[in-house]
Protein backbone atom coordinates (compact mmCIF):
# COMPACT_ATOMS: atom_id res chain seq x y z
CA MET A 1 16.35 -133.86 163.45
CA SER A 2 16.24 -134.13 167.23
CA ALA A 3 13.53 -134.51 169.90
CA ASP A 4 14.15 -131.00 171.25
CA GLN A 5 13.55 -129.40 167.56
CA ARG A 6 10.01 -131.33 167.39
CA SER A 7 8.69 -131.05 170.60
CA GLN A 8 7.05 -127.41 171.58
CA PRO A 9 5.70 -126.52 174.76
CA GLY A 10 1.77 -127.13 175.04
CA GLY A 11 1.29 -129.00 172.37
CA GLY A 12 3.07 -132.54 171.28
CA GLU A 13 5.04 -132.28 168.19
CA ARG A 14 5.41 -129.80 165.33
CA TYR A 15 7.25 -131.77 162.77
CA VAL A 16 5.34 -135.14 162.05
CA PRO A 17 7.47 -137.21 159.95
CA ALA A 18 5.81 -139.39 157.23
CA GLY A 19 4.16 -142.78 158.50
CA THR A 20 4.15 -141.36 162.21
CA ALA A 21 0.90 -140.15 162.61
CA ALA A 22 -0.85 -143.05 160.63
CA SER A 23 -4.15 -144.66 162.24
CA GLY A 24 -6.10 -147.72 160.27
CA PRO A 25 -7.02 -146.65 156.53
CA TYR A 26 -5.31 -143.07 157.32
CA ALA A 27 -1.75 -142.97 155.88
CA LEU A 28 -1.93 -139.59 158.03
CA ARG A 29 -4.27 -138.42 160.88
CA ILE A 30 -4.04 -135.16 162.31
CA ASP A 31 -6.77 -133.67 164.50
CA PRO A 32 -7.04 -130.79 167.17
CA VAL A 33 -6.36 -133.24 169.86
CA ARG A 34 -3.16 -134.54 168.09
CA ALA A 35 -2.20 -130.92 167.35
CA GLY A 36 -3.06 -129.49 170.59
CA TRP A 37 -5.02 -126.67 169.23
CA ASP A 38 -9.13 -126.51 168.32
CA HIS A 39 -9.79 -126.42 164.53
CA SER A 40 -7.61 -127.82 162.08
CA SER A 41 -7.67 -131.28 160.73
CA LEU A 42 -6.08 -133.34 158.07
CA ARG A 43 -6.43 -136.93 157.06
CA VAL A 44 -4.96 -138.87 154.36
CA LEU A 45 -7.02 -141.75 153.16
CA GLU A 46 -5.69 -144.76 151.05
CA LEU A 47 -8.09 -146.97 149.27
CA ALA A 48 -7.11 -150.06 147.67
CA PRO A 49 -9.35 -150.86 144.17
CA GLY A 50 -12.91 -151.13 144.83
CA ALA A 51 -12.33 -150.10 148.51
CA SER A 52 -14.91 -147.59 150.29
CA HIS A 53 -14.77 -145.86 153.49
CA THR A 54 -17.31 -143.95 155.85
CA LEU A 55 -16.51 -140.61 157.33
CA ASP A 56 -18.44 -139.27 160.07
CA THR A 57 -17.78 -135.38 159.80
CA ALA A 58 -18.85 -134.69 163.59
CA GLU A 59 -18.40 -131.05 164.37
CA SER A 60 -16.02 -130.75 161.31
CA GLU A 61 -16.72 -129.43 157.65
CA TRP A 62 -14.32 -131.36 155.41
CA ILE A 63 -13.39 -131.30 151.47
CA VAL A 64 -12.13 -134.34 149.94
CA LEU A 65 -9.34 -133.40 147.45
CA PRO A 66 -7.77 -136.36 145.43
CA LEU A 67 -4.11 -136.41 145.57
CA SER A 68 -4.05 -139.73 143.03
CA GLY A 69 -6.99 -141.40 141.27
CA GLY A 70 -10.68 -140.72 141.86
CA CYS A 71 -13.51 -141.46 143.83
CA GLU A 72 -17.26 -141.32 144.59
CA VAL A 73 -18.40 -139.22 147.51
CA ARG A 74 -21.94 -140.02 148.90
CA VAL A 75 -23.61 -137.79 151.61
CA ALA A 76 -26.91 -137.97 152.30
CA GLU A 77 -28.77 -137.69 149.14
CA GLU A 78 -26.34 -136.37 146.99
CA SER A 79 -23.53 -138.11 145.08
CA PHE A 80 -20.45 -136.45 143.24
CA THR A 81 -18.13 -138.39 141.08
CA LEU A 82 -14.50 -137.08 141.63
CA ARG A 83 -12.30 -137.77 138.37
CA GLY A 84 -9.37 -136.46 140.66
CA ARG A 85 -5.72 -136.53 139.00
CA GLU A 86 -2.85 -138.89 138.44
CA SER A 87 -0.92 -137.29 141.18
CA VAL A 88 -0.49 -133.57 142.78
CA PHE A 89 2.03 -132.72 139.99
CA GLY A 90 -0.25 -133.21 136.86
CA GLY A 91 -3.24 -131.12 137.28
CA VAL A 92 -5.86 -129.54 138.99
CA THR A 93 -8.35 -131.73 140.52
CA ASP A 94 -12.07 -131.38 141.39
CA PHE A 95 -13.31 -132.10 144.85
CA ALA A 96 -16.29 -132.20 147.25
CA TYR A 97 -17.36 -130.55 150.05
CA LEU A 98 -18.90 -132.19 153.12
CA PRO A 99 -20.99 -130.07 155.89
CA ARG A 100 -20.69 -130.97 159.86
CA ASP A 101 -23.12 -133.67 161.24
CA ALA A 102 -23.05 -135.83 158.55
CA HIS A 103 -22.06 -139.56 157.37
CA ALA A 104 -20.22 -139.66 153.99
CA GLN A 105 -18.89 -142.58 152.09
CA ILE A 106 -16.04 -142.30 149.51
CA THR A 107 -15.41 -145.38 147.31
CA SER A 108 -12.46 -145.46 144.78
CA GLY A 109 -13.08 -148.05 142.02
CA ALA A 110 -9.38 -148.11 140.84
CA GLY A 111 -7.84 -146.92 144.08
CA GLY A 112 -6.30 -143.80 145.13
CA ARG A 113 -5.18 -141.48 147.73
CA PHE A 114 -7.08 -138.91 149.00
CA ALA A 115 -6.83 -135.74 151.36
CA LEU A 116 -9.32 -135.29 154.00
CA ALA A 117 -9.13 -131.30 155.18
CA GLY A 118 -11.41 -130.52 158.02
CA ALA A 119 -12.35 -127.41 160.47
CA LYS A 120 -14.39 -127.37 163.43
CA CYS A 121 -17.28 -125.21 162.41
CA GLU A 122 -20.63 -123.89 163.64
CA ARG A 123 -22.76 -123.17 160.08
CA ARG A 124 -23.88 -126.35 158.26
CA LEU A 125 -23.50 -125.54 155.16
CA PRO A 126 -24.77 -127.82 152.01
CA ALA A 127 -22.68 -130.56 150.12
CA ARG A 128 -21.49 -129.51 147.08
CA TYR A 129 -19.19 -130.64 143.77
CA GLY A 130 -15.81 -128.06 143.20
CA PRO A 131 -15.29 -128.64 139.49
CA ALA A 132 -12.02 -128.51 138.72
CA PRO A 133 -12.23 -125.72 135.91
CA GLU A 134 -13.23 -123.34 138.50
CA VAL A 135 -10.11 -123.63 140.73
CA GLN A 136 -8.19 -120.47 140.37
CA VAL A 137 -4.80 -121.09 139.48
CA GLU A 138 -2.40 -118.28 140.71
CA LEU A 139 1.55 -117.41 139.97
CA ARG A 140 2.50 -115.69 142.84
CA GLY A 141 5.85 -113.78 143.88
CA ALA A 142 8.86 -113.78 141.11
CA GLY A 143 12.40 -114.79 140.23
CA GLY A 144 13.38 -117.31 142.94
CA CYS A 145 10.42 -116.54 144.87
CA SER A 146 8.15 -117.59 142.13
CA ARG A 147 5.44 -120.25 142.85
CA GLN A 148 2.06 -121.59 141.82
CA VAL A 149 -0.81 -121.67 143.98
CA ASN A 150 -3.82 -123.52 143.31
CA ASN A 151 -6.76 -121.69 145.25
CA PHE A 152 -9.79 -124.39 145.51
CA ALA A 153 -10.70 -123.33 148.93
CA ALA A 154 -8.80 -120.06 149.67
CA ALA A 155 -10.96 -117.39 151.69
CA ASP A 156 -12.45 -115.94 148.52
CA THR A 157 -13.11 -118.51 146.02
CA PHE A 158 -14.90 -121.39 147.53
CA ASP A 159 -17.58 -120.83 150.33
CA CYS A 160 -16.81 -122.83 153.81
CA ASP A 161 -17.69 -121.86 157.31
CA ARG A 162 -14.08 -122.11 158.70
CA LEU A 163 -11.78 -123.90 156.34
CA ILE A 164 -9.18 -122.31 154.28
CA ALA A 165 -7.29 -124.57 151.76
CA VAL A 166 -4.87 -124.17 148.81
CA GLU A 167 -2.26 -126.00 147.22
CA VAL A 168 1.41 -124.50 146.47
CA LEU A 169 3.81 -126.11 143.78
CA THR A 170 7.44 -124.45 143.92
CA PRO A 171 10.21 -125.41 141.32
CA GLY A 172 13.20 -126.76 141.99
CA GLY A 173 15.86 -124.55 143.80
CA ASN A 174 13.26 -122.00 144.74
CA TRP A 175 11.96 -120.32 147.99
CA SER A 176 7.98 -120.09 148.77
CA SER A 177 5.84 -119.30 151.62
CA TYR A 178 8.70 -116.43 151.38
CA PRO A 179 8.90 -113.77 153.07
CA PRO A 180 8.16 -115.68 156.46
CA HIS A 181 4.88 -114.42 157.49
CA LYS A 182 2.62 -115.34 160.63
CA HIS A 183 -1.25 -115.33 161.52
CA ASP A 184 -1.17 -115.89 165.26
CA GLU A 185 -3.01 -113.15 166.54
CA HIS A 186 -6.20 -111.46 166.20
CA ARG A 187 -5.83 -107.87 164.91
CA PRO A 188 -9.16 -106.70 163.34
CA GLY A 189 -8.23 -105.56 159.71
CA ALA A 190 -4.19 -106.52 159.78
CA GLU A 191 -3.99 -110.16 161.06
CA SER A 192 -6.07 -113.60 161.63
CA GLU A 193 -5.64 -116.20 164.35
CA LEU A 194 -5.33 -119.36 161.89
CA GLU A 195 -3.66 -123.07 163.04
CA GLU A 196 -2.33 -123.62 160.00
CA ILE A 197 -1.16 -127.63 158.71
CA TYR A 198 1.22 -127.85 156.09
CA TYR A 199 1.45 -131.35 154.08
CA PHE A 200 4.62 -132.14 151.82
CA GLU A 201 4.82 -134.28 148.85
CA ILE A 202 8.56 -133.80 146.94
CA ASP A 203 8.87 -134.85 143.58
CA ARG A 204 10.82 -137.92 142.55
CA ASP A 205 11.81 -138.95 146.05
CA GLY A 206 13.34 -135.55 146.19
CA LEU A 207 13.60 -133.55 149.63
CA GLY A 208 13.14 -129.66 150.93
CA TYR A 209 13.11 -127.89 154.01
CA HIS A 210 11.00 -125.89 155.92
CA ARG A 211 11.39 -123.12 158.45
CA VAL A 212 9.49 -121.89 161.42
CA SER A 213 10.67 -119.47 163.89
CA PRO A 214 8.93 -118.05 167.15
CA SER A 215 7.08 -115.03 167.12
CA ARG A 216 6.66 -115.09 170.70
CA PRO A 217 9.02 -116.25 173.51
CA GLY A 218 8.70 -120.27 173.86
CA GLY A 219 6.88 -120.16 170.53
CA THR A 220 6.90 -122.51 167.33
CA ASP A 221 10.89 -123.52 166.29
CA VAL A 222 11.38 -125.71 163.66
CA LEU A 223 13.88 -126.58 160.79
CA ALA A 224 12.79 -129.50 159.01
CA GLU A 225 14.03 -131.50 156.38
CA VAL A 226 10.93 -132.27 154.56
CA ARG A 227 10.04 -135.51 152.32
CA THR A 228 6.72 -136.97 150.87
CA GLY A 229 4.49 -137.40 153.71
CA ASP A 230 5.88 -135.30 156.29
CA VAL A 231 3.77 -132.30 158.11
CA VAL A 232 4.54 -129.26 159.97
CA LEU A 233 2.09 -128.13 162.55
CA ILE A 234 2.04 -124.23 162.70
CA PRO A 235 -0.03 -122.51 165.69
CA ASP A 236 2.07 -119.73 165.90
CA GLY A 237 5.23 -118.18 164.63
CA TRP A 238 7.28 -116.96 161.61
CA HIS A 239 6.86 -119.64 159.06
CA GLY A 240 8.76 -119.55 155.51
CA PRO A 241 10.79 -119.86 153.66
CA SER A 242 10.09 -123.68 152.46
CA ILE A 243 12.76 -124.33 150.10
CA ALA A 244 12.59 -126.79 147.22
CA SER A 245 16.10 -128.39 146.48
CA PRO A 246 17.19 -128.13 143.08
CA GLY A 247 15.69 -130.58 140.14
CA ARG A 248 12.85 -131.75 142.69
CA THR A 249 9.33 -129.86 142.51
CA MET A 250 7.90 -129.28 146.26
CA TYR A 251 4.11 -129.31 146.55
CA TYR A 252 2.25 -129.17 150.02
CA LEU A 253 -1.47 -128.35 150.95
CA ASN A 254 -1.94 -125.75 153.36
CA VAL A 255 -4.94 -126.64 155.88
CA MET A 256 -6.35 -123.45 158.01
CA ALA A 257 -8.72 -122.84 160.25
CA GLY A 258 -9.01 -120.30 163.15
CA PRO A 259 -11.52 -118.83 166.11
CA GLY A 260 -11.80 -115.43 164.70
CA PRO A 261 -15.14 -113.85 163.80
CA GLY A 262 -14.80 -114.06 159.98
CA ARG A 263 -13.14 -116.12 157.56
CA GLU A 264 -9.93 -114.51 156.79
CA TRP A 265 -6.79 -115.10 155.70
CA LEU A 266 -4.62 -112.09 156.54
CA ILE A 267 -1.01 -111.76 157.53
CA CYS A 268 1.79 -110.25 158.74
CA ASP A 269 5.31 -110.31 157.28
CA HIS A 270 8.50 -110.57 159.37
CA PRO A 271 9.92 -106.92 159.71
CA ASP A 272 13.28 -108.24 158.63
CA HIS A 273 12.13 -110.08 155.37
CA GLY A 274 9.43 -108.00 153.92
CA TRP A 275 11.69 -105.88 151.78
CA ILE A 276 11.87 -108.62 149.34
CA ARG A 277 8.52 -108.04 147.77
CA GLU A 278 9.89 -104.26 146.68
CA THR A 279 11.89 -106.59 144.29
CA TRP A 280 9.54 -108.32 142.31
CA ALA A 281 8.38 -105.41 140.22
CA ALA A 282 11.79 -105.83 138.30
CA GLU A 283 12.28 -109.83 138.16
CA PRO A 284 10.09 -111.82 135.82
CA VAL A 285 8.17 -114.89 136.97
CA ASP A 286 9.92 -118.07 136.53
CA PRO A 287 9.14 -119.60 132.96
CA ARG A 288 8.78 -122.95 134.25
CA LEU A 289 5.68 -122.03 135.64
CA PRO A 290 2.68 -122.63 135.44
CA PHE A 291 3.50 -126.07 135.56
CA TYR A 292 -0.53 -126.98 134.73
CA GLU A 293 -3.55 -124.97 134.12
CA ALA A 294 -7.19 -125.63 135.32
CA PRO A 295 -9.05 -127.27 132.46
CA SER A 296 -11.39 -126.06 130.61
CA ALA A 297 -15.09 -127.17 131.26
CA GLY A 298 -15.96 -130.41 129.57
CA VAL A 299 -12.31 -131.47 129.26
CA PRO A 300 -11.06 -134.58 130.72
CA VAL A 301 -8.29 -134.05 132.89
CA ALA A 302 -5.47 -135.18 131.05
CA GLU A 303 -2.59 -138.04 132.62
CA ALA A 304 0.29 -136.11 134.34
CA PRO A 305 3.02 -135.02 132.30
CA ALA A 306 6.69 -135.46 133.65
CA PRO A 307 7.29 -132.55 136.31
CA ALA A 308 9.24 -129.68 134.98
CA GLN A 309 13.03 -130.02 135.01
CA PRO A 310 15.55 -127.77 136.34
CA ALA A 311 15.98 -124.34 134.21
CA THR A 312 18.54 -124.45 131.93
CA ALA A 313 21.01 -121.75 130.98
CA PRO A 314 18.95 -120.40 127.86
CA ALA A 315 15.80 -120.70 130.41
CA GLN A 316 17.80 -118.71 132.67
CA SER A 317 18.80 -116.34 130.00
CA ALA A 318 15.02 -116.17 129.25
CA ILE A 319 14.24 -115.24 132.76
CA ALA A 320 16.14 -112.05 132.11
CA ALA A 321 14.92 -110.92 128.93
CA ALA A 322 11.39 -111.47 130.30
CA ALA A 323 12.15 -109.00 133.33
CA ALA A 324 10.53 -106.14 131.46
CA GLN A 325 7.40 -108.04 130.83
CA SER A 326 6.50 -108.74 134.59
CA ALA A 327 4.14 -107.38 136.63
CA VAL A 328 4.44 -106.77 140.38
CA THR A 329 1.30 -109.28 140.89
CA PRO A 330 1.80 -112.37 138.46
CA ALA A 331 -1.85 -112.79 136.49
CA PRO A 332 -3.92 -116.07 137.30
CA VAL A 333 -3.90 -118.72 134.82
CA GLY A 334 -7.59 -119.88 134.15
CA GLY A 335 -10.67 -119.99 136.65
CA PRO A 336 -12.08 -116.57 137.64
CA ALA A 337 -10.63 -113.24 138.14
CA PRO A 338 -8.82 -113.07 141.77
CA VAL A 339 -9.17 -110.49 144.17
CA PRO A 340 -5.24 -109.01 144.59
CA ARG A 341 -3.50 -110.79 147.36
CA GLU A 342 -0.43 -108.91 147.45
CA GLU A 343 -0.47 -109.33 151.13
CA GLU A 344 -0.09 -113.17 151.12
CA PRO A 345 3.38 -115.05 150.78
CA ARG A 346 2.04 -118.40 150.44
């Protein structure tokens, strides 16, 4: 990708290749100054076995989300043991919420990688533990647009002041974050203004593609080949699709926050592509999904299974055979019953 495609007016680079935003113990450090905006942050902390890291939360609230491995999180008088997971492809993870104006210590006995998703905020909420069994695992879309969403900190599943964060897994060959959509202006009841970070990991050193097209003159315009550790910053614009190459599962972590009066995730579909939703009623969900479900309470997180392989010809036949049983909005798998999200294409 050329420098012209990465650079955007008024806000630095929008496509951030792995390693180019590393800083100290962080394999990735994106803060509002680096991104050219006001609220959203993301860091990826790498800890060697037995290592510790101290985090000053300052004016932001944070979620500590294990990408691989587990850790102990201490903040004030609270201590949370995160069991974590083998990898993002292996299962739902538990997490910890850290309030603003706090000092936290993160320690990992066996070592690991941990996403720190943050947002500048006003309210100081209590530190809390997020159990893996309470994470709502949702199947969204249908056919070649099927994907799995782990709603660990969606706007209606976990209380934060500003921060919204979810994980998305897309089977090889499928499109997610589709139809293209935007959330770059405040329109009460119709659209939220949210700054968004996409952090990617691709199964087995694979690759994928991500598109952002302008929603206004001079707006964000990115077409990026993405690999593990790459980031796309989205202050504005129609974003999507995220395309998983055949045979390689795509994972991305979405981190969002904005200036609106409420913590809402309201989006507007691109007028040329929103019609795709109408076709989902007649299509089944990809039978490779779910990759995994939220664990039952009290059951240890299992070791990561091998990521799903591309659908074979018999599996494709199963897709067609299942069409009659498909619903417009697929039911969640595990966790509490969801609020319908048909307006959200993630």
